[in-house]
Amino acid sequence: QVQFVESGGGLVQPGGSLRLSCVSSRNIVSVYHMGWYRQVPGKQRELVAGITSGDNTNYGNSVKGRFTISRDTAKNTVYLQMNNLKPEDTAVYYCNADTGSYARLNWGPLRWGQGTQVTVSS
């Protein structure tokens, strides 16, 4: 099994910045796609940003130009730098690997961590 532990959330004013971290209990070098997701009550979890094993990145339209995803494979950590935060960015943020990697790396069933709460408010 694998565990992802997210941290770095908090309360920030609009226009502010936060840097989220996600530490994996397993090596992430062979993971094809790692993503940051967010969820607000009553809505489905959505992909915010992703990064591949080749360090190609992809972003949701609402965060393009403001968020940056990166990873440090030596630390088994994925980061999300969030700048110019807006109230609509308020959510619980999670990270996870793609389901294909779970199968290929024999990590067992896909599981989600506790997430980290980000609140953007004045």
C-alpha atoms as a PDB file:
ATOM      1  CA  GLN A   1       0.000   0.000   0.000  1.00  0.00           C
ATOM      2  CA  VAL A   2       0.931   3.637  -0.327  1.00  0.00           C
ATOM      3  CA  GLN A   3       0.113   6.664   1.772  1.00  0.00           C
ATOM      4  CA  PHE A   4       0.132  10.281   0.722  1.00  0.00           C
ATOM      5  CA  VAL A   5       0.392  12.957   3.405  1.00  0.00           C
ATOM      6  CA  GLU A   6      -0.565  16.465   2.366  1.00  0.00           C
ATOM      7  CA  SER A   7       0.422  19.618   4.237  1.00  0.00           C
ATOM      8  CA  GLY A   8       0.878  23.340   3.822  1.00  0.00           C
ATOM      9  CA  GLY A   9      -2.711  24.515   3.725  1.00  0.00           C
ATOM     10  CA  GLY A  10      -4.121  27.346   5.773  1.00  0.00           C
ATOM     11  CA  LEU A  11      -6.004  30.606   5.764  1.00  0.00           C
ATOM     12  CA  VAL A  12      -4.774  33.233   3.327  1.00  0.00           C
ATOM     13  CA  GLN A  13      -6.122  36.496   1.989  1.00  0.00           C
ATOM     14  CA  PRO A  14      -7.073  36.896  -1.659  1.00  0.00           C
ATOM     15  CA  GLY A  15      -3.961  37.494  -3.714  1.00  0.00           C
ATOM     16  CA  GLY A  16      -1.811  35.561  -1.292  1.00  0.00           C
ATOM     17  CA  SER A  17       0.292  32.457  -1.816  1.00  0.00           C
ATOM     18  CA  LEU A  18       0.661  28.996  -0.329  1.00  0.00           C
ATOM     19  CA  ARG A  19       2.908  26.047  -1.070  1.00  0.00           C
ATOM     20  CA  LEU A  20       1.437  22.602  -0.569  1.00  0.00           C
ATOM     21  CA  SER A  21       3.530  19.475  -0.083  1.00  0.00           C
ATOM     22  CA  CYS A  22       2.621  15.842  -0.581  1.00  0.00           C
ATOM     23  CA  VAL A  23       4.925  13.154   0.768  1.00  0.00           C
ATOM     24  CA  SER A  24       4.543   9.610  -0.515  1.00  0.00           C
ATOM     25  CA  SER A  25       5.357   6.560   1.571  1.00  0.00           C
ATOM     26  CA  ARG A  26       6.523   4.827  -1.605  1.00  0.00           C
ATOM     27  CA  ASN A  27       8.999   5.793  -4.291  1.00  0.00           C
ATOM     28  CA  ILE A  28       7.384   7.987  -6.944  1.00  0.00           C
ATOM     29  CA  VAL A  29      10.081   7.752  -9.621  1.00  0.00           C
ATOM     30  CA  SER A  30       8.077   5.187 -11.590  1.00  0.00           C
ATOM     31  CA  VAL A  31       4.716   6.893 -11.195  1.00  0.00           C
ATOM     32  CA  TYR A  32       3.444   7.995 -14.597  1.00  0.00           C
ATOM     33  CA  HIS A  33       1.214  10.816 -13.381  1.00  0.00           C
ATOM     34  CA  MET A  34       0.935  12.530 -10.007  1.00  0.00           C
ATOM     35  CA  GLY A  35      -1.840  15.008  -9.483  1.00  0.00           C
ATOM     36  CA  TRP A  36      -3.153  17.578  -7.073  1.00  0.00           C
ATOM     37  CA  TYR A  37      -6.925  17.510  -6.677  1.00  0.00           C
ATOM     38  CA  ARG A  38      -9.370  19.607  -4.719  1.00  0.00           C
ATOM     39  CA  GLN A  39     -12.859  19.122  -3.383  1.00  0.00           C
ATOM     40  CA  VAL A  40     -15.490  21.364  -1.873  1.00  0.00           C
ATOM     41  CA  PRO A  41     -18.520  20.033  -0.009  1.00  0.00           C
ATOM     42  CA  GLY A  42     -21.243  18.825  -2.322  1.00  0.00           C
ATOM     43  CA  LYS A  43     -19.019  18.736  -5.398  1.00  0.00           C
ATOM     44  CA  GLN A  44     -16.888  16.120  -7.054  1.00  0.00           C
ATOM     45  CA  ARG A  45     -13.148  16.049  -6.569  1.00  0.00           C
ATOM     46  CA  GLU A  46     -11.446  17.787  -9.494  1.00  0.00           C
ATOM     47  CA  LEU A  47      -7.937  17.629 -10.913  1.00  0.00           C
ATOM     48  CA  VAL A  48      -6.103  20.911 -10.379  1.00  0.00           C
ATOM     49  CA  ALA A  49      -2.644  20.088 -11.697  1.00  0.00           C
ATOM     50  CA  GLY A  50      -0.678  17.061 -12.810  1.00  0.00           C
ATOM     51  CA  ILE A  51       2.905  16.097 -13.541  1.00  0.00           C
ATOM     52  CA  THR A  52       4.214  13.105 -15.441  1.00  0.00           C
ATOM     53  CA  SER A  53       7.328  11.019 -14.976  1.00  0.00           C
ATOM     54  CA  GLY A  54       8.841  13.082 -17.784  1.00  0.00           C
ATOM     55  CA  ASP A  55       8.016  16.270 -15.878  1.00  0.00           C
ATOM     56  CA  ASN A  56       5.337  17.353 -18.319  1.00  0.00           C
ATOM     57  CA  THR A  57       2.665  19.351 -16.514  1.00  0.00           C
ATOM     58  CA  ASN A  58      -1.018  20.005 -17.024  1.00  0.00           C
ATOM     59  CA  TYR A  59      -3.380  22.410 -15.254  1.00  0.00           C
ATOM     60  CA  GLY A  60      -7.062  23.068 -14.872  1.00  0.00           C
ATOM     61  CA  ASN A  61      -8.240  26.143 -16.728  1.00  0.00           C
ATOM     62  CA  SER A  62      -9.126  27.959 -13.527  1.00  0.00           C
ATOM     63  CA  VAL A  63      -5.571  27.760 -12.139  1.00  0.00           C
ATOM     64  CA  LYS A  64      -3.418  28.175 -15.240  1.00  0.00           C
ATOM     65  CA  GLY A  65      -0.831  30.877 -14.763  1.00  0.00           C
ATOM     66  CA  ARG A  66      -1.317  30.905 -10.996  1.00  0.00           C
ATOM     67  CA  PHE A  67      -0.417  27.389  -9.805  1.00  0.00           C
ATOM     68  CA  THR A  68       2.770  25.419 -10.437  1.00  0.00           C
ATOM     69  CA  ILE A  69       3.237  21.728  -9.776  1.00  0.00           C
ATOM     70  CA  SER A  70       6.662  20.187  -9.253  1.00  0.00           C
ATOM     71  CA  ARG A  71       8.183  17.092  -7.767  1.00  0.00           C
ATOM     72  CA  ASP A  72      11.332  15.978  -5.955  1.00  0.00           C
ATOM     73  CA  THR A  73      11.762  12.265  -6.539  1.00  0.00           C
ATOM     74  CA  ALA A  74      14.659  12.085  -4.065  1.00  0.00           C
ATOM     75  CA  LYS A  75      12.223  13.158  -1.349  1.00  0.00           C
ATOM     76  CA  ASN A  76       9.191  11.356  -2.807  1.00  0.00           C
ATOM     77  CA  THR A  77       7.418  14.678  -2.621  1.00  0.00           C
ATOM     78  CA  VAL A  78       5.151  16.607  -4.934  1.00  0.00           C
ATOM     79  CA  TYR A  79       4.573  20.325  -4.471  1.00  0.00           C
ATOM     80  CA  LEU A  80       1.895  22.780  -5.515  1.00  0.00           C
ATOM     81  CA  GLN A  81       2.859  26.433  -5.504  1.00  0.00           C
ATOM     82  CA  MET A  82      -0.298  28.525  -5.468  1.00  0.00           C
ATOM     83  CA  ASN A  83      -0.080  32.238  -6.204  1.00  0.00           C
ATOM     84  CA  ASN A  84      -2.692  34.962  -6.560  1.00  0.00           C
ATOM     85  CA  LEU A  85      -5.178  32.865  -4.636  1.00  0.00           C
ATOM     86  CA  LYS A  86      -8.871  33.555  -5.041  1.00  0.00           C
ATOM     87  CA  PRO A  87     -11.834  32.762  -2.769  1.00  0.00           C
ATOM     88  CA  GLU A  88     -12.976  30.143  -5.274  1.00  0.00           C
ATOM     89  CA  ASP A  89      -9.749  28.233  -4.627  1.00  0.00           C
ATOM     90  CA  THR A  90     -11.057  27.398  -1.160  1.00  0.00           C
ATOM     91  CA  ALA A  91     -11.188  23.609  -0.874  1.00  0.00           C
ATOM     92  CA  VAL A  92      -9.528  20.550   0.612  1.00  0.00           C
ATOM     93  CA  TYR A  93      -6.527  19.679  -1.517  1.00  0.00           C
ATOM     94  CA  TYR A  94      -5.348  16.110  -2.066  1.00  0.00           C
ATOM     95  CA  CYS A  95      -2.615  14.451  -4.071  1.00  0.00           C
ATOM     96  CA  ASN A  96      -2.568  11.039  -5.676  1.00  0.00           C
ATOM     97  CA  ALA A  97      -1.085   8.920  -8.411  1.00  0.00           C
ATOM     98  CA  ASP A  98      -2.894   7.654 -11.516  1.00  0.00           C
ATOM     99  CA  THR A  99      -4.731   4.342 -11.288  1.00  0.00           C
ATOM    100  CA  GLY A 100      -2.427   2.759 -13.841  1.00  0.00           C
ATOM    101  CA  SER A 101       0.534   3.342 -11.576  1.00  0.00           C
ATOM    102  CA  TYR A 102      -1.322   1.781  -8.670  1.00  0.00           C
ATOM    103  CA  ALA A 103      -1.793  -1.365 -10.754  1.00  0.00           C
ATOM    104  CA  ARG A 104       1.675  -1.438 -12.271  1.00  0.00           C
ATOM    105  CA  LEU A 105       3.431  -0.804  -8.960  1.00  0.00           C
ATOM    106  CA  ASN A 106       1.149  -3.166  -7.011  1.00  0.00           C
ATOM    107  CA  TRP A 107       0.108  -0.484  -4.542  1.00  0.00           C
ATOM    108  CA  GLY A 108      -3.257  -2.048  -3.816  1.00  0.00           C
ATOM    109  CA  PRO A 109      -6.546  -0.144  -4.091  1.00  0.00           C
ATOM    110  CA  LEU A 110      -6.500   3.582  -4.714  1.00  0.00           C
ATOM    111  CA  ARG A 111      -6.746   5.454  -1.441  1.00  0.00           C
ATOM    112  CA  TRP A 112      -6.954   9.116  -0.561  1.00  0.00           C
ATOM    113  CA  GLY A 113      -5.151  10.872   2.265  1.00  0.00           C
ATOM    114  CA  GLN A 114      -6.628  13.371   4.698  1.00  0.00           C
ATOM    115  CA  GLY A 115      -5.926  16.323   2.458  1.00  0.00           C
ATOM    116  CA  THR A 116      -5.031  19.837   3.518  1.00  0.00           C
ATOM    117  CA  GLN A 117      -7.552  22.646   3.859  1.00  0.00           C
ATOM    118  CA  VAL A 118      -6.987  25.850   1.912  1.00  0.00           C
ATOM    119  CA  THR A 119      -9.200  28.785   2.781  1.00  0.00           C
ATOM    120  CA  VAL A 120      -8.969  32.047   0.857  1.00  0.00           C
ATOM    121  CA  SER A 121     -10.829  34.822   2.589  1.00  0.00           C
ATOM    122  CA  SER A 122     -10.414  38.415   3.665  1.00  0.00           C
END
